Amino acid sequence: MIPFADANPVRRVPWVTLLLSALCIIVYFAVQPTGTPELHWDGIIERGAEGDLRFAVGNAAIPCEITQGRPLTEQEFQQTFRDVPHDFGACSDEGGPAHSPGKNVWLALIATMFLHGSIPHLFGNLVFLWVFGNNVESHKGWWRYLLLYLIGGTAATAAHVVLNPNSTVPMVGASGAIAAVMGAYFVLWPNMRIKSIVPIGLVFLRKVQALWLLVIWLASNLLLVGIASGVAWAAHLGGFAFGALVGLWWRRQDRRRPTTITTLPPELSTPSAPAPV
């Protein structure tokens, strides 16, 4: 099921959503290596053209680098991408010469949200970001929304790292950050109608309640638990959980916000006419 629009109007131009989308597009087409990449579009790179692979290893977040606090060693890189069979859990405490010596593994937590493995991966994420992000930005303002995106994306990466601490495979994609935006959206507007493409044999266009779209999205990720699918399901679920918690906090704040009632002072109020006898 692919959402493409909702019935929730926005009150202002979602400049941050547009900026984030533009950055992802510019990075993919102007910064990432060109050529014919053979990268997975599901959020984890396991193989690719040489230039794409080195760019991802040099810029994307890698669980082993986060747990060790340093870039992959040359030996870890060789064991992961050169040796056969590949060892995608080649993380070691031994140390050694770094494969990407100038890499800042902490800045990579942010950079990885703007890298993508393929055109379907890129534009699939951007569709979800537009459908759900513009309303969250309009409702809570640009800076809260931007913090949700960046911190939520970091929380998503952290969830993947916790479950895969020895992985030497780079993560790419904005799906964890977008999952955080989705979590906030579904808490704030659970009954909103989402216009979606439903490909069941034939392609149908349906308005689906946000709550049911959430159930289907969660189920599709939970079905991947324990399966070597290459999909960063832990990042998706971790980002969504973070966004849902933020959404609950925002909803509680909205309910506590007092309603302002403007009244005229007594000397300016107009006395009501006497009732006829």
C-alpha atoms as a PDB file:
ATOM      1  CA  MET A   1       0.000   0.000   0.000  1.00  0.00           C
ATOM      2  CA  ILE A   2       1.506   3.300  -1.147  1.00  0.00           C
ATOM      3  CA  PRO A   3       0.105   6.575   0.255  1.00  0.00           C
ATOM      4  CA  PHE A   4       0.259   9.586  -2.055  1.00  0.00           C
ATOM      5  CA  ALA A   5      -2.014  12.226  -0.448  1.00  0.00           C
ATOM      6  CA  ASP A   6      -4.239  12.862   2.538  1.00  0.00           C
ATOM      7  CA  ALA A   7      -7.354  14.884   3.358  1.00  0.00           C
ATOM      8  CA  ASN A   8      -5.519  16.980   5.934  1.00  0.00           C
ATOM      9  CA  PRO A   9      -4.973  20.531   4.601  1.00  0.00           C
ATOM     10  CA  VAL A  10      -1.864  22.476   5.575  1.00  0.00           C
ATOM     11  CA  ARG A  11      -1.946  26.039   6.869  1.00  0.00           C
ATOM     12  CA  ARG A  12       1.422  27.175   5.536  1.00  0.00           C
ATOM     13  CA  VAL A  13       4.022  26.208   2.975  1.00  0.00           C
ATOM     14  CA  PRO A  14       6.056  23.263   4.377  1.00  0.00           C
ATOM     15  CA  TRP A  15       9.451  24.761   3.621  1.00  0.00           C
ATOM     16  CA  VAL A  16      11.449  22.300   5.733  1.00  0.00           C
ATOM     17  CA  THR A  17       9.784  19.305   4.091  1.00  0.00           C
ATOM     18  CA  LEU A  18      10.594  20.790   0.684  1.00  0.00           C
ATOM     19  CA  LEU A  19      14.171  21.551   1.773  1.00  0.00           C
ATOM     20  CA  LEU A  20      14.764  18.033   3.108  1.00  0.00           C
ATOM     21  CA  SER A  21      13.399  16.563  -0.108  1.00  0.00           C
ATOM     22  CA  ALA A  22      15.577  18.865  -2.220  1.00  0.00           C
ATOM     23  CA  LEU A  23      18.679  17.941  -0.205  1.00  0.00           C
ATOM     24  CA  CYS A  24      18.052  14.220  -0.690  1.00  0.00           C
ATOM     25  CA  ILE A  25      17.622  14.726  -4.441  1.00  0.00           C
ATOM     26  CA  ILE A  26      20.717  16.932  -4.767  1.00  0.00           C
ATOM     27  CA  VAL A  27      22.867  14.528  -2.748  1.00  0.00           C
ATOM     28  CA  TYR A  28      21.759  11.538  -4.810  1.00  0.00           C
ATOM     29  CA  PHE A  29      22.206  13.085  -8.235  1.00  0.00           C
ATOM     30  CA  ALA A  30      25.025  15.588  -7.611  1.00  0.00           C
ATOM     31  CA  VAL A  31      27.094  14.266  -4.691  1.00  0.00           C
ATOM     32  CA  GLN A  32      26.850  10.487  -4.687  1.00  0.00           C
ATOM     33  CA  PRO A  33      28.948   8.780  -7.388  1.00  0.00           C
ATOM     34  CA  THR A  34      27.301   8.432 -10.759  1.00  0.00           C
ATOM     35  CA  GLY A  35      27.205   5.315 -12.867  1.00  0.00           C
ATOM     36  CA  THR A  36      25.036   2.240 -12.538  1.00  0.00           C
ATOM     37  CA  PRO A  37      24.754   1.525  -8.819  1.00  0.00           C
ATOM     38  CA  GLU A  38      23.686  -1.946  -7.778  1.00  0.00           C
ATOM     39  CA  LEU A  39      22.709  -1.007  -4.264  1.00  0.00           C
ATOM     40  CA  HIS A  40      19.773  -2.336  -2.303  1.00  0.00           C
ATOM     41  CA  TRP A  41      16.980   0.237  -2.119  1.00  0.00           C
ATOM     42  CA  ASP A  42      15.720  -1.111   1.206  1.00  0.00           C
ATOM     43  CA  GLY A  43      18.066   0.844   3.436  1.00  0.00           C
ATOM     44  CA  ILE A  44      21.158  -1.320   3.810  1.00  0.00           C
ATOM     45  CA  ILE A  45      24.005  -1.503   1.328  1.00  0.00           C
ATOM     46  CA  GLU A  46      25.532  -4.939   0.862  1.00  0.00           C
ATOM     47  CA  ARG A  47      27.069  -4.637  -2.577  1.00  0.00           C
ATOM     48  CA  GLY A  48      27.533  -2.011  -5.223  1.00  0.00           C
ATOM     49  CA  ALA A  49      29.752  -0.493  -7.854  1.00  0.00           C
ATOM     50  CA  GLU A  50      33.197   0.357  -6.518  1.00  0.00           C
ATOM     51  CA  GLY A  51      32.643   4.124  -6.400  1.00  0.00           C
ATOM     52  CA  ASP A  52      29.256   3.815  -4.720  1.00  0.00           C
ATOM     53  CA  LEU A  53      30.583   1.321  -2.208  1.00  0.00           C
ATOM     54  CA  ARG A  54      33.555   3.445  -1.170  1.00  0.00           C
ATOM     55  CA  PHE A  55      31.353   6.543  -0.951  1.00  0.00           C
ATOM     56  CA  ALA A  56      28.864   4.730   1.303  1.00  0.00           C
ATOM     57  CA  VAL A  57      31.565   3.294   3.555  1.00  0.00           C
ATOM     58  CA  GLY A  58      33.205   6.716   3.767  1.00  0.00           C
ATOM     59  CA  ASN A  59      30.041   8.657   4.605  1.00  0.00           C
ATOM     60  CA  ALA A  60      27.170   6.466   5.841  1.00  0.00           C
ATOM     61  CA  ALA A  61      26.534   5.246   9.371  1.00  0.00           C
ATOM     62  CA  ILE A  62      27.892   1.754  10.122  1.00  0.00           C
ATOM     63  CA  PRO A  63      26.946  -0.035  13.383  1.00  0.00           C
ATOM     64  CA  CYS A  64      30.485  -1.288  14.027  1.00  0.00           C
ATOM     65  CA  GLU A  65      31.859   2.244  13.728  1.00  0.00           C
ATOM     66  CA  ILE A  66      29.301   3.545  16.230  1.00  0.00           C
ATOM     67  CA  THR A  67      30.023   0.858  18.809  1.00  0.00           C
ATOM     68  CA  GLN A  68      33.790   1.152  18.364  1.00  0.00           C
ATOM     69  CA  GLY A  69      33.878   4.934  17.955  1.00  0.00           C
ATOM     70  CA  ARG A  70      36.174   4.766  14.909  1.00  0.00           C
ATOM     71  CA  PRO A  71      36.009   4.095  11.144  1.00  0.00           C
ATOM     72  CA  LEU A  72      36.183   0.565   9.788  1.00  0.00           C
ATOM     73  CA  THR A  73      39.686  -0.838   9.622  1.00  0.00           C
ATOM     74  CA  GLU A  74      41.103  -1.983   6.316  1.00  0.00           C
ATOM     75  CA  GLN A  75      40.860  -5.562   7.531  1.00  0.00           C
ATOM     76  CA  GLU A  76      37.162  -5.198   8.416  1.00  0.00           C
ATOM     77  CA  PHE A  77      36.496  -3.689   4.996  1.00  0.00           C
ATOM     78  CA  GLN A  78      38.285  -6.551   3.244  1.00  0.00           C
ATOM     79  CA  GLN A  79      36.452  -9.223   5.223  1.00  0.00           C
ATOM     80  CA  THR A  80      33.092  -7.550   4.570  1.00  0.00           C
ATOM     81  CA  PHE A  81      33.320  -6.676   0.887  1.00  0.00           C
ATOM     82  CA  ARG A  82      36.303  -8.502  -0.644  1.00  0.00           C
ATOM     83  CA  ASP A  83      36.622 -11.904   0.981  1.00  0.00           C
ATOM     84  CA  VAL A  84      34.378 -14.765  -0.080  1.00  0.00           C
ATOM     85  CA  PRO A  85      32.210 -15.624   1.734  1.00  0.00           C
ATOM     86  CA  HIS A  86      31.490 -12.080   2.911  1.00  0.00           C
ATOM     87  CA  ASP A  87      31.494 -11.503   6.653  1.00  0.00           C
ATOM     88  CA  PHE A  88      28.926  -8.764   7.367  1.00  0.00           C
ATOM     89  CA  GLY A  89      29.682  -8.988  11.083  1.00  0.00           C
ATOM     90  CA  ALA A  90      33.448  -8.565  10.828  1.00  0.00           C
ATOM     91  CA  CYS A  91      33.644  -5.948  13.585  1.00  0.00           C
ATOM     92  CA  SER A  92      36.745  -6.448  15.726  1.00  0.00           C
ATOM     93  CA  ASP A  93      38.326  -4.920  18.823  1.00  0.00           C
ATOM     94  CA  GLU A  94      41.825  -5.389  17.396  1.00  0.00           C
ATOM     95  CA  GLY A  95      42.040  -2.058  15.591  1.00  0.00           C
ATOM     96  CA  GLY A  96      44.348  -1.302  12.699  1.00  0.00           C
ATOM     97  CA  PRO A  97      44.721   1.127   9.781  1.00  0.00           C
ATOM     98  CA  ALA A  98      41.420   2.853   8.978  1.00  0.00           C
ATOM     99  CA  HIS A  99      39.825   2.331   5.576  1.00  0.00           C
ATOM    100  CA  SER A 100      38.384   5.877   5.656  1.00  0.00           C
ATOM    101  CA  PRO A 101      40.791   7.714   7.991  1.00  0.00           C
ATOM    102  CA  GLY A 102      39.139  11.124   7.678  1.00  0.00           C
ATOM    103  CA  LYS A 103      35.615   9.916   8.463  1.00  0.00           C
ATOM    104  CA  ASN A 104      33.711  11.329  11.449  1.00  0.00           C
ATOM    105  CA  VAL A 105      31.502   8.443  12.525  1.00  0.00           C
ATOM    106  CA  TRP A 106      29.205  10.745  14.540  1.00  0.00           C
ATOM    107  CA  LEU A 107      28.509  13.142  11.685  1.00  0.00           C
ATOM    108  CA  ALA A 108      27.736  10.067   9.611  1.00  0.00           C
ATOM    109  CA  LEU A 109      24.614   9.604  11.769  1.00  0.00           C
ATOM    110  CA  ILE A 110      23.205  12.732  10.108  1.00  0.00           C
ATOM    111  CA  ALA A 111      24.715  12.231   6.654  1.00  0.00           C
ATOM    112  CA  THR A 112      23.223   8.759   6.312  1.00  0.00           C
ATOM    113  CA  MET A 113      19.696  10.242   6.350  1.00  0.00           C
ATOM    114  CA  PHE A 114      20.391  11.979   3.039  1.00  0.00           C
ATOM    115  CA  LEU A 115      21.982   9.054   1.168  1.00  0.00           C
ATOM    116  CA  HIS A 116      19.982   6.600  -0.918  1.00  0.00           C
ATOM    117  CA  GLY A 117      20.706   3.364  -2.733  1.00  0.00           C
ATOM    118  CA  SER A 118      18.581   3.809  -5.848  1.00  0.00           C
ATOM    119  CA  ILE A 119      15.982   6.011  -7.508  1.00  0.00           C
ATOM    120  CA  PRO A 120      13.039   3.894  -6.227  1.00  0.00           C
ATOM    121  CA  HIS A 121      14.500   4.095  -2.722  1.00  0.00           C
ATOM    122  CA  LEU A 122      14.869   7.870  -2.986  1.00  0.00           C
ATOM    123  CA  PHE A 123      11.469   8.749  -4.406  1.00  0.00           C
ATOM    124  CA  GLY A 124       9.633   6.160  -2.322  1.00  0.00           C
ATOM    125  CA  ASN A 125      10.954   7.878   0.792  1.00  0.00           C
ATOM    126  CA  LEU A 126      10.139  11.339  -0.539  1.00  0.00           C
ATOM    127  CA  VAL A 127       6.521  10.396  -1.204  1.00  0.00           C
ATOM    128  CA  PHE A 128       6.090   9.248   2.401  1.00  0.00           C
ATOM    129  CA  LEU A 129       7.883  12.371   3.659  1.00  0.00           C
ATOM    130  CA  TRP A 130       5.562  14.663   1.706  1.00  0.00           C
ATOM    131  CA  VAL A 131       2.318  12.913   2.659  1.00  0.00           C
ATOM    132  CA  PHE A 132       3.033  12.833   6.392  1.00  0.00           C
ATOM    133  CA  GLY A 133       5.656  15.528   6.894  1.00  0.00           C
ATOM    134  CA  ASN A 134       3.837  18.590   5.589  1.00  0.00           C
ATOM    135  CA  ASN A 135       1.036  18.269   8.161  1.00  0.00           C
ATOM    136  CA  VAL A 136       3.383  17.702  11.101  1.00  0.00           C
ATOM    137  CA  GLU A 137       5.459  20.724  10.061  1.00  0.00           C
ATOM    138  CA  SER A 138       2.364  22.881   9.605  1.00  0.00           C
ATOM    139  CA  HIS A 139       0.958  21.847  12.994  1.00  0.00           C
ATOM    140  CA  LYS A 140       4.083  22.090  15.179  1.00  0.00           C
ATOM    141  CA  GLY A 141       6.264  24.595  13.335  1.00  0.00           C
ATOM    142  CA  TRP A 142       9.448  24.199  11.338  1.00  0.00           C
ATOM    143  CA  TRP A 143      12.020  23.880  14.133  1.00  0.00           C
ATOM    144  CA  ARG A 144      10.139  21.250  16.136  1.00  0.00           C
ATOM    145  CA  TYR A 145       9.552  19.319  12.952  1.00  0.00           C
ATOM    146  CA  LEU A 146      13.212  19.524  11.944  1.00  0.00           C
ATOM    147  CA  LEU A 147      14.301  18.294  15.378  1.00  0.00           C
ATOM    148  CA  LEU A 148      11.823  15.421  15.122  1.00  0.00           C
ATOM    149  CA  TYR A 149      13.290  14.450  11.766  1.00  0.00           C
ATOM    150  CA  LEU A 150      16.950  14.638  12.799  1.00  0.00           C
ATOM    151  CA  ILE A 151      16.656  13.196  16.303  1.00  0.00           C
ATOM    152  CA  GLY A 152      14.134  10.617  15.141  1.00  0.00           C
ATOM    153  CA  GLY A 153      16.497   9.515  12.374  1.00  0.00           C
ATOM    154  CA  THR A 154      19.322   9.218  14.893  1.00  0.00           C
ATOM    155  CA  ALA A 155      17.092   7.190  17.217  1.00  0.00           C
ATOM    156  CA  ALA A 156      16.210   4.915  14.296  1.00  0.00           C
ATOM    157  CA  THR A 157      19.882   4.305  13.538  1.00  0.00           C
ATOM    158  CA  ALA A 158      20.534   3.672  17.232  1.00  0.00           C
ATOM    159  CA  ALA A 159      17.797   1.022  17.294  1.00  0.00           C
ATOM    160  CA  HIS A 160      19.459  -0.778  14.380  1.00  0.00           C
ATOM    161  CA  VAL A 161      22.871  -0.515  16.035  1.00  0.00           C
ATOM    162  CA  VAL A 162      21.571  -1.957  19.319  1.00  0.00           C
ATOM    163  CA  LEU A 163      20.324  -5.073  17.529  1.00  0.00           C
ATOM    164  CA  ASN A 164      23.269  -5.302  15.104  1.00  0.00           C
ATOM    165  CA  PRO A 165      26.280  -3.943  17.019  1.00  0.00           C
ATOM    166  CA  ASN A 166      28.863  -5.910  15.012  1.00  0.00           C
ATOM    167  CA  SER A 167      27.475  -5.142  11.555  1.00  0.00           C
ATOM    168  CA  THR A 168      30.015  -3.681   9.149  1.00  0.00           C
ATOM    169  CA  VAL A 169      27.377  -2.884   6.513  1.00  0.00           C
ATOM    170  CA  PRO A 170      26.578   0.802   5.830  1.00  0.00           C
ATOM    171  CA  MET A 171      23.049   2.064   6.334  1.00  0.00           C
ATOM    172  CA  VAL A 172      21.575   4.558   3.900  1.00  0.00           C
ATOM    173  CA  GLY A 173      18.228   6.244   3.564  1.00  0.00           C
ATOM    174  CA  ALA A 174      15.819   8.618   5.247  1.00  0.00           C
ATOM    175  CA  SER A 175      13.286   5.911   6.099  1.00  0.00           C
ATOM    176  CA  GLY A 176      14.150   5.897   9.828  1.00  0.00           C
ATOM    177  CA  ALA A 177      13.668   9.666  10.097  1.00  0.00           C
ATOM    178  CA  ILE A 178      10.483   9.475   8.028  1.00  0.00           C
ATOM    179  CA  ALA A 179       9.220   6.670  10.269  1.00  0.00           C
ATOM    180  CA  ALA A 180       9.571   9.097  13.197  1.00  0.00           C
ATOM    181  CA  VAL A 181       7.473  11.649  11.295  1.00  0.00           C
ATOM    182  CA  MET A 182       4.910   8.922  10.581  1.00  0.00           C
ATOM    183  CA  GLY A 183       4.768   7.998  14.269  1.00  0.00           C
ATOM    184  CA  ALA A 184       3.901  11.565  15.239  1.00  0.00           C
ATOM    185  CA  TYR A 185       1.345  11.842  12.410  1.00  0.00           C
ATOM    186  CA  PHE A 186      -0.540   8.670  13.354  1.00  0.00           C
ATOM    187  CA  VAL A 187      -0.801   9.774  16.987  1.00  0.00           C
ATOM    188  CA  LEU A 188      -2.027  13.255  16.072  1.00  0.00           C
ATOM    189  CA  TRP A 189      -4.444  12.226  13.290  1.00  0.00           C
ATOM    190  CA  PRO A 190      -5.287   8.504  13.653  1.00  0.00           C
ATOM    191  CA  ASN A 191      -8.619   8.832  11.837  1.00  0.00           C
ATOM    192  CA  MET A 192      -7.396  10.879   8.890  1.00  0.00           C
ATOM    193  CA  ARG A 193      -8.155   9.467   5.451  1.00  0.00           C
ATOM    194  CA  ILE A 194      -5.048   8.697   3.370  1.00  0.00           C
ATOM    195  CA  LYS A 195      -5.342   8.367  -0.396  1.00  0.00           C
ATOM    196  CA  SER A 196      -3.375   5.238  -1.248  1.00  0.00           C
ATOM    197  CA  ILE A 197      -2.460   2.966  -4.121  1.00  0.00           C
ATOM    198  CA  VAL A 198      -3.431  -0.605  -3.279  1.00  0.00           C
ATOM    199  CA  PRO A 199      -1.714  -3.073  -5.649  1.00  0.00           C
ATOM    200  CA  ILE A 200      -3.665  -6.312  -5.183  1.00  0.00           C
ATOM    201  CA  GLY A 201      -3.338  -7.988  -8.551  1.00  0.00           C
ATOM    202  CA  LEU A 202      -4.843  -4.895 -10.121  1.00  0.00           C
ATOM    203  CA  VAL A 203      -4.064  -1.371  -8.922  1.00  0.00           C
ATOM    204  CA  PHE A 204      -6.790   0.296  -6.861  1.00  0.00           C
ATOM    205  CA  LEU A 205      -7.029   3.815  -5.484  1.00  0.00           C
ATOM    206  CA  ARG A 206      -8.575   3.899  -2.027  1.00  0.00           C
ATOM    207  CA  LYS A 207      -8.961   6.269   0.897  1.00  0.00           C
ATOM    208  CA  VAL A 208      -7.625   4.346   3.873  1.00  0.00           C
ATOM    209  CA  GLN A 209      -7.909   5.417   7.492  1.00  0.00           C
ATOM    210  CA  ALA A 210      -4.499   6.318   8.891  1.00  0.00           C
ATOM    211  CA  LEU A 211      -4.862   3.763  11.675  1.00  0.00           C
ATOM    212  CA  TRP A 212      -5.286   0.898   9.193  1.00  0.00           C
ATOM    213  CA  LEU A 213      -2.381   2.116   7.104  1.00  0.00           C
ATOM    214  CA  LEU A 214      -0.316   2.059  10.289  1.00  0.00           C
ATOM    215  CA  VAL A 215      -1.351  -1.542  11.047  1.00  0.00           C
ATOM    216  CA  ILE A 216      -0.338  -2.674   7.561  1.00  0.00           C
ATOM    217  CA  TRP A 217       2.976  -0.785   7.710  1.00  0.00           C
ATOM    218  CA  LEU A 218       3.842  -2.200  11.133  1.00  0.00           C
ATOM    219  CA  ALA A 219       2.885  -5.718  10.078  1.00  0.00           C
ATOM    220  CA  SER A 220       5.079  -5.512   6.975  1.00  0.00           C
ATOM    221  CA  ASN A 221       8.050  -4.631   9.188  1.00  0.00           C
ATOM    222  CA  LEU A 222       7.307  -7.119  11.962  1.00  0.00           C
ATOM    223  CA  LEU A 223       7.147  -9.933   9.407  1.00  0.00           C
ATOM    224  CA  LEU A 224      10.816  -9.236   8.650  1.00  0.00           C
ATOM    225  CA  VAL A 225      11.997  -9.802  12.233  1.00  0.00           C
ATOM    226  CA  GLY A 226      14.485 -12.654  12.307  1.00  0.00           C
ATOM    227  CA  ILE A 227      14.687 -12.870   8.506  1.00  0.00           C
ATOM    228  CA  ALA A 228      17.831 -11.983   6.551  1.00  0.00           C
ATOM    229  CA  SER A 229      15.915  -9.619   4.292  1.00  0.00           C
ATOM    230  CA  GLY A 230      18.405  -6.758   4.119  1.00  0.00           C
ATOM    231  CA  VAL A 231      15.676  -4.362   5.295  1.00  0.00           C
ATOM    232  CA  ALA A 232      16.524  -2.171   8.283  1.00  0.00           C
ATOM    233  CA  TRP A 233      13.276  -3.032  10.063  1.00  0.00           C
ATOM    234  CA  ALA A 234      14.714  -2.174  13.488  1.00  0.00           C
ATOM    235  CA  ALA A 235      15.457   1.359  12.282  1.00  0.00           C
ATOM    236  CA  HIS A 236      11.915   1.685  10.940  1.00  0.00           C
ATOM    237  CA  LEU A 237      10.317   0.484  14.171  1.00  0.00           C
ATOM    238  CA  GLY A 238      12.717   2.439  16.373  1.00  0.00           C
ATOM    239  CA  GLY A 239      12.117   5.663  14.476  1.00  0.00           C
ATOM    240  CA  PHE A 240       8.362   5.118  14.541  1.00  0.00           C
ATOM    241  CA  ALA A 241       8.355   4.466  18.296  1.00  0.00           C
ATOM    242  CA  PHE A 242      10.320   7.657  18.923  1.00  0.00           C
ATOM    243  CA  GLY A 243       7.957   9.693  16.741  1.00  0.00           C
ATOM    244  CA  ALA A 244       4.887   8.194  18.417  1.00  0.00           C
ATOM    245  CA  LEU A 245       6.214   9.167  21.856  1.00  0.00           C
ATOM    246  CA  VAL A 246       6.864  12.709  20.663  1.00  0.00           C
ATOM    247  CA  GLY A 247       3.387  12.784  19.136  1.00  0.00           C
ATOM    248  CA  LEU A 248       1.830  11.722  22.451  1.00  0.00           C
ATOM    249  CA  TRP A 249       3.713  14.502  24.213  1.00  0.00           C
ATOM    250  CA  TRP A 250       2.581  17.054  21.634  1.00  0.00           C
ATOM    251  CA  ARG A 251      -1.024  15.874  21.848  1.00  0.00           C
ATOM    252  CA  ARG A 252      -0.940  16.188  25.628  1.00  0.00           C
ATOM    253  CA  GLN A 253       0.426  19.722  25.296  1.00  0.00           C
ATOM    254  CA  ASP A 254      -2.349  20.620  22.823  1.00  0.00           C
ATOM    255  CA  ARG A 255      -4.994  19.391  25.241  1.00  0.00           C
ATOM    256  CA  ARG A 256      -3.508  21.343  28.135  1.00  0.00           C
ATOM    257  CA  ARG A 257      -3.252  24.581  26.174  1.00  0.00           C
ATOM    258  CA  PRO A 258      -6.002  26.883  27.512  1.00  0.00           C
ATOM    259  CA  THR A 259      -8.527  28.363  25.136  1.00  0.00           C
ATOM    260  CA  THR A 260      -8.279  32.156  25.070  1.00  0.00           C
ATOM    261  CA  ILE A 261     -11.643  33.922  25.354  1.00  0.00           C
ATOM    262  CA  THR A 262     -11.704  37.643  24.691  1.00  0.00           C
ATOM    263  CA  THR A 263     -14.285  39.602  26.744  1.00  0.00           C
ATOM    264  CA  LEU A 264     -15.075  43.305  26.806  1.00  0.00           C
ATOM    265  CA  PRO A 265     -14.676  45.249  30.047  1.00  0.00           C
ATOM    266  CA  PRO A 266     -17.984  46.119  31.776  1.00  0.00           C
ATOM    267  CA  GLU A 267     -17.807  49.803  30.838  1.00  0.00           C
ATOM    268  CA  LEU A 268     -17.610  48.930  27.128  1.00  0.00           C
ATOM    269  CA  SER A 269     -20.189  46.188  27.088  1.00  0.00           C
ATOM    270  CA  THR A 270     -23.619  46.968  25.620  1.00  0.00           C
ATOM    271  CA  PRO A 271     -26.523  46.322  28.001  1.00  0.00           C
ATOM    272  CA  SER A 272     -29.140  44.044  26.609  1.00  0.00           C
ATOM    273  CA  ALA A 273     -32.507  45.527  25.729  1.00  0.00           C
ATOM    274  CA  PRO A 274     -35.289  44.931  28.256  1.00  0.00           C
ATOM    275  CA  ALA A 275     -37.573  42.076  27.391  1.00  0.00           C
ATOM    276  CA  PRO A 276     -41.018  43.174  26.219  1.00  0.00           C
ATOM    277  CA  VAL A 277     -43.829  42.827  28.766  1.00  0.00           C
END
